[in-house]
Amino acid sequence: MTRVTRGFVAKKRRKRVLKLAKGFRGANSVLFRTAQQRTLRALSLAYRDRRLYKRTIRGLWIRRLNSFLHDSYSQGSGWGVAPYPAGETANSSSMQGSSFAPALTRFRTTSYSSFIHKLKKSNILLNRKVLSQLAIFDPGALNQLIQKL
């Protein structure tokens, strides 16, 4: 009988695990046993964190909307855009006749939950991501949407 070399499947499995462990530090990328443990943990954490990332981002969209609805960001708290032209304030004389001042002094006190409820009741199909982007990049459009509800 001819001699058969063995271990093709085992070698293939080990090569696959070591390929996944490429870039790990120390023995975790070289030794099979530790590489197998590290890759198993890395894959399970990647699975968990993909879902955690989605949850975190959704929470960010909700916080942005809530901030917009309570009119806290348009007063200049943390969005990186100055609410008034350089050197001006809400009570300055040059702002009294403009249409810019009343829009910023008017307070929106709608709660987030009632806003979402009104959107669903009105059959407006905008998700939280789009609404938060409107709050940042086009607050006027979101104001019009709030007034129509």
C-alpha atoms as a PDB file:
ATOM      1  CA  MET A   1       0.000   0.000   0.000  1.00  0.00           C
ATOM      2  CA  THR A   2       1.009   3.537  -0.609  1.00  0.00           C
ATOM      3  CA  ARG A   3       1.710   5.820   2.284  1.00  0.00           C
ATOM      4  CA  VAL A   4      -0.883   8.526   3.016  1.00  0.00           C
ATOM      5  CA  THR A   5       0.132  11.778   4.655  1.00  0.00           C
ATOM      6  CA  ARG A   6      -2.427  12.943   7.137  1.00  0.00           C
ATOM      7  CA  GLY A   7      -3.536  16.182   8.665  1.00  0.00           C
ATOM      8  CA  PHE A   8      -4.893  18.155   5.717  1.00  0.00           C
ATOM      9  CA  VAL A   9      -8.104  19.177   7.485  1.00  0.00           C
ATOM     10  CA  ALA A  10      -6.348  19.989  10.758  1.00  0.00           C
ATOM     11  CA  LYS A  11      -3.671  22.005   8.949  1.00  0.00           C
ATOM     12  CA  LYS A  12      -6.328  23.899   7.006  1.00  0.00           C
ATOM     13  CA  ARG A  13      -8.202  24.725  10.216  1.00  0.00           C
ATOM     14  CA  ARG A  14      -5.025  25.898  11.958  1.00  0.00           C
ATOM     15  CA  LYS A  15      -4.033  28.055   9.003  1.00  0.00           C
ATOM     16  CA  ARG A  16      -7.501  29.640   8.981  1.00  0.00           C
ATOM     17  CA  VAL A  17      -7.320  30.469  12.701  1.00  0.00           C
ATOM     18  CA  LEU A  18      -3.793  31.859  12.432  1.00  0.00           C
ATOM     19  CA  LYS A  19      -4.838  33.963   9.458  1.00  0.00           C
ATOM     20  CA  LEU A  20      -7.683  35.456  11.545  1.00  0.00           C
ATOM     21  CA  ALA A  21      -5.222  36.099  14.383  1.00  0.00           C
ATOM     22  CA  LYS A  22      -2.848  38.054  12.151  1.00  0.00           C
ATOM     23  CA  GLY A  23      -1.990  41.348  13.819  1.00  0.00           C
ATOM     24  CA  PHE A  24      -2.581  40.158  17.383  1.00  0.00           C
ATOM     25  CA  ARG A  25       0.244  40.879  19.818  1.00  0.00           C
ATOM     26  CA  GLY A  26       2.821  38.358  20.971  1.00  0.00           C
ATOM     27  CA  ALA A  27       2.046  34.672  21.040  1.00  0.00           C
ATOM     28  CA  ASN A  28      -1.603  35.366  20.245  1.00  0.00           C
ATOM     29  CA  SER A  29      -0.778  35.513  16.559  1.00  0.00           C
ATOM     30  CA  VAL A  30       1.816  32.734  16.460  1.00  0.00           C
ATOM     31  CA  LEU A  31       0.761  29.870  18.720  1.00  0.00           C
ATOM     32  CA  PHE A  32      -2.332  28.004  17.619  1.00  0.00           C
ATOM     33  CA  ARG A  33      -3.919  27.437  21.004  1.00  0.00           C
ATOM     34  CA  THR A  34      -3.734  31.049  22.179  1.00  0.00           C
ATOM     35  CA  ALA A  35      -4.604  32.317  18.696  1.00  0.00           C
ATOM     36  CA  GLN A  36      -7.738  30.185  18.747  1.00  0.00           C
ATOM     37  CA  GLN A  37      -8.790  31.609  22.114  1.00  0.00           C
ATOM     38  CA  ARG A  38      -8.098  35.213  21.064  1.00  0.00           C
ATOM     39  CA  THR A  39      -9.941  34.891  17.730  1.00  0.00           C
ATOM     40  CA  LEU A  40     -12.943  33.275  19.393  1.00  0.00           C
ATOM     41  CA  ARG A  41     -13.117  36.156  21.855  1.00  0.00           C
ATOM     42  CA  ALA A  42     -12.481  38.773  19.163  1.00  0.00           C
ATOM     43  CA  LEU A  43     -15.238  37.426  16.932  1.00  0.00           C
ATOM     44  CA  SER A  44     -17.754  37.276  19.771  1.00  0.00           C
ATOM     45  CA  LEU A  45     -16.924  40.836  20.873  1.00  0.00           C
ATOM     46  CA  ALA A  46     -17.171  42.070  17.279  1.00  0.00           C
ATOM     47  CA  TYR A  47     -20.649  40.538  17.026  1.00  0.00           C
ATOM     48  CA  ARG A  48     -21.708  42.159  20.305  1.00  0.00           C
ATOM     49  CA  ASP A  49     -20.209  45.550  19.501  1.00  0.00           C
ATOM     50  CA  ARG A  50     -21.836  45.799  16.075  1.00  0.00           C
ATOM     51  CA  ARG A  51     -25.179  45.798  17.851  1.00  0.00           C
ATOM     52  CA  LEU A  52     -23.920  48.096  20.614  1.00  0.00           C
ATOM     53  CA  TYR A  53     -22.730  50.601  17.998  1.00  0.00           C
ATOM     54  CA  LYS A  54     -26.178  50.720  16.393  1.00  0.00           C
ATOM     55  CA  ARG A  55     -27.754  51.279  19.793  1.00  0.00           C
ATOM     56  CA  THR A  56     -25.293  54.057  20.640  1.00  0.00           C
ATOM     57  CA  ILE A  57     -25.788  55.881  17.354  1.00  0.00           C
ATOM     58  CA  ARG A  58     -29.567  55.719  17.684  1.00  0.00           C
ATOM     59  CA  GLY A  59     -29.240  57.257  21.158  1.00  0.00           C
ATOM     60  CA  LEU A  60     -27.125  60.044  19.681  1.00  0.00           C
ATOM     61  CA  TRP A  61     -29.818  60.824  17.093  1.00  0.00           C
ATOM     62  CA  ILE A  62     -32.452  60.913  19.826  1.00  0.00           C
ATOM     63  CA  ARG A  63     -30.346  63.258  21.990  1.00  0.00           C
ATOM     64  CA  ARG A  64     -29.815  65.596  19.042  1.00  0.00           C
ATOM     65  CA  LEU A  65     -33.534  65.706  18.311  1.00  0.00           C
ATOM     66  CA  ASN A  66     -34.396  66.248  21.945  1.00  0.00           C
ATOM     67  CA  SER A  67     -31.862  69.051  22.148  1.00  0.00           C
ATOM     68  CA  PHE A  68     -33.362  70.681  19.070  1.00  0.00           C
ATOM     69  CA  LEU A  69     -36.905  70.319  20.376  1.00  0.00           C
ATOM     70  CA  HIS A  70     -35.973  72.007  23.646  1.00  0.00           C
ATOM     71  CA  ASP A  71     -34.136  74.767  21.748  1.00  0.00           C
ATOM     72  CA  SER A  72     -30.903  74.300  23.663  1.00  0.00           C
ATOM     73  CA  TYR A  73     -28.494  73.907  20.760  1.00  0.00           C
ATOM     74  CA  SER A  74     -29.639  76.863  18.685  1.00  0.00           C
ATOM     75  CA  GLN A  75     -28.545  79.182  21.497  1.00  0.00           C
ATOM     76  CA  GLY A  76     -24.956  78.176  20.741  1.00  0.00           C
ATOM     77  CA  SER A  77     -24.275  75.288  23.092  1.00  0.00           C
ATOM     78  CA  GLY A  78     -21.999  72.829  21.407  1.00  0.00           C
ATOM     79  CA  TRP A  79     -22.946  72.655  17.746  1.00  0.00           C
ATOM     80  CA  GLY A  80     -19.962  74.635  16.511  1.00  0.00           C
ATOM     81  CA  VAL A  81     -22.051  77.347  14.838  1.00  0.00           C
ATOM     82  CA  ALA A  82     -22.390  80.809  16.315  1.00  0.00           C
ATOM     83  CA  PRO A  83     -26.091  81.700  16.688  1.00  0.00           C
ATOM     84  CA  TYR A  84     -25.557  85.411  16.061  1.00  0.00           C
ATOM     85  CA  PRO A  85     -23.309  87.384  13.735  1.00  0.00           C
ATOM     86  CA  ALA A  86     -19.964  88.475  15.180  1.00  0.00           C
ATOM     87  CA  GLY A  87     -20.363  90.915  18.076  1.00  0.00           C
ATOM     88  CA  GLU A  88     -24.170  90.730  18.111  1.00  0.00           C
ATOM     89  CA  THR A  89     -26.502  89.491  20.834  1.00  0.00           C
ATOM     90  CA  ALA A  90     -30.215  88.759  20.913  1.00  0.00           C
ATOM     91  CA  ASN A  91     -30.965  92.165  22.450  1.00  0.00           C
ATOM     92  CA  SER A  92     -28.705  94.323  20.277  1.00  0.00           C
ATOM     93  CA  SER A  93     -30.310  97.179  18.389  1.00  0.00           C
ATOM     94  CA  SER A  94     -29.364  95.938  14.909  1.00  0.00           C
ATOM     95  CA  MET A  95     -31.160  92.638  15.543  1.00  0.00           C
ATOM     96  CA  GLN A  96     -34.505  94.125  16.581  1.00  0.00           C
ATOM     97  CA  GLY A  97     -35.862  94.650  13.091  1.00  0.00           C
ATOM     98  CA  SER A  98     -34.451  91.486  11.523  1.00  0.00           C
ATOM     99  CA  SER A  99     -36.287  88.212  11.182  1.00  0.00           C
ATOM    100  CA  PHE A 100     -33.265  86.417  12.663  1.00  0.00           C
ATOM    101  CA  ALA A 101     -33.807  87.402  16.303  1.00  0.00           C
ATOM    102  CA  PRO A 102     -37.405  86.193  16.850  1.00  0.00           C
ATOM    103  CA  ALA A 103     -36.599  82.734  15.503  1.00  0.00           C
ATOM    104  CA  LEU A 104     -33.865  82.286  18.078  1.00  0.00           C
ATOM    105  CA  THR A 105     -35.738  83.738  21.013  1.00  0.00           C
ATOM    106  CA  ARG A 106     -38.810  81.566  20.452  1.00  0.00           C
ATOM    107  CA  PHE A 107     -38.569  78.436  22.608  1.00  0.00           C
ATOM    108  CA  ARG A 108     -39.750  75.030  21.466  1.00  0.00           C
ATOM    109  CA  THR A 109     -40.901  72.951  24.397  1.00  0.00           C
ATOM    110  CA  THR A 110     -42.143  69.876  22.562  1.00  0.00           C
ATOM    111  CA  SER A 111     -40.978  66.660  24.153  1.00  0.00           C
ATOM    112  CA  TYR A 112     -39.241  64.058  22.020  1.00  0.00           C
ATOM    113  CA  SER A 113     -41.836  61.364  22.639  1.00  0.00           C
ATOM    114  CA  SER A 114     -44.797  63.574  21.722  1.00  0.00           C
ATOM    115  CA  PHE A 115     -42.940  64.756  18.604  1.00  0.00           C
ATOM    116  CA  ILE A 116     -42.359  61.170  17.413  1.00  0.00           C
ATOM    117  CA  HIS A 117     -45.976  60.317  18.255  1.00  0.00           C
ATOM    118  CA  LYS A 118     -47.254  63.253  16.182  1.00  0.00           C
ATOM    119  CA  LEU A 119     -45.008  62.230  13.283  1.00  0.00           C
ATOM    120  CA  LYS A 120     -46.397  58.710  13.304  1.00  0.00           C
ATOM    121  CA  LYS A 121     -49.959  59.964  13.653  1.00  0.00           C
ATOM    122  CA  SER A 122     -49.431  62.326  10.701  1.00  0.00           C
ATOM    123  CA  ASN A 123     -47.971  59.411   8.709  1.00  0.00           C
ATOM    124  CA  ILE A 124     -44.656  61.209   8.153  1.00  0.00           C
ATOM    125  CA  LEU A 125     -42.093  58.506   7.497  1.00  0.00           C
ATOM    126  CA  LEU A 126     -38.788  60.122   8.462  1.00  0.00           C
ATOM    127  CA  ASN A 127     -36.408  58.133  10.610  1.00  0.00           C
ATOM    128  CA  ARG A 128     -34.385  59.505  13.515  1.00  0.00           C
ATOM    129  CA  LYS A 129     -31.182  59.741  11.490  1.00  0.00           C
ATOM    130  CA  VAL A 130     -32.767  62.002   8.870  1.00  0.00           C
ATOM    131  CA  LEU A 131     -34.484  64.104  11.531  1.00  0.00           C
ATOM    132  CA  SER A 132     -31.228  64.639  13.434  1.00  0.00           C
ATOM    133  CA  GLN A 133     -29.431  65.604  10.214  1.00  0.00           C
ATOM    134  CA  LEU A 134     -32.208  68.102   9.522  1.00  0.00           C
ATOM    135  CA  ALA A 135     -31.721  69.520  13.013  1.00  0.00           C
ATOM    136  CA  ILE A 136     -28.028  70.082  12.313  1.00  0.00           C
ATOM    137  CA  PHE A 137     -27.881  71.084   8.651  1.00  0.00           C
ATOM    138  CA  ASP A 138     -31.332  72.546   7.961  1.00  0.00           C
ATOM    139  CA  PRO A 139     -33.057  73.635  11.191  1.00  0.00           C
ATOM    140  CA  GLY A 140     -35.491  75.819   9.257  1.00  0.00           C
ATOM    141  CA  ALA A 141     -36.962  72.799   7.479  1.00  0.00           C
ATOM    142  CA  LEU A 142     -37.356  70.953  10.768  1.00  0.00           C
ATOM    143  CA  ASN A 143     -39.031  74.038  12.273  1.00  0.00           C
ATOM    144  CA  GLN A 144     -41.520  74.027   9.405  1.00  0.00           C
ATOM    145  CA  LEU A 145     -42.172  70.342   9.999  1.00  0.00           C
ATOM    146  CA  ILE A 146     -42.791  70.983  13.706  1.00  0.00           C
ATOM    147  CA  GLN A 147     -45.210  73.798  12.924  1.00  0.00           C
ATOM    148  CA  LYS A 148     -47.206  71.598  10.527  1.00  0.00           C
ATOM    149  CA  LEU A 149     -47.759  68.933  13.190  1.00  0.00           C
END
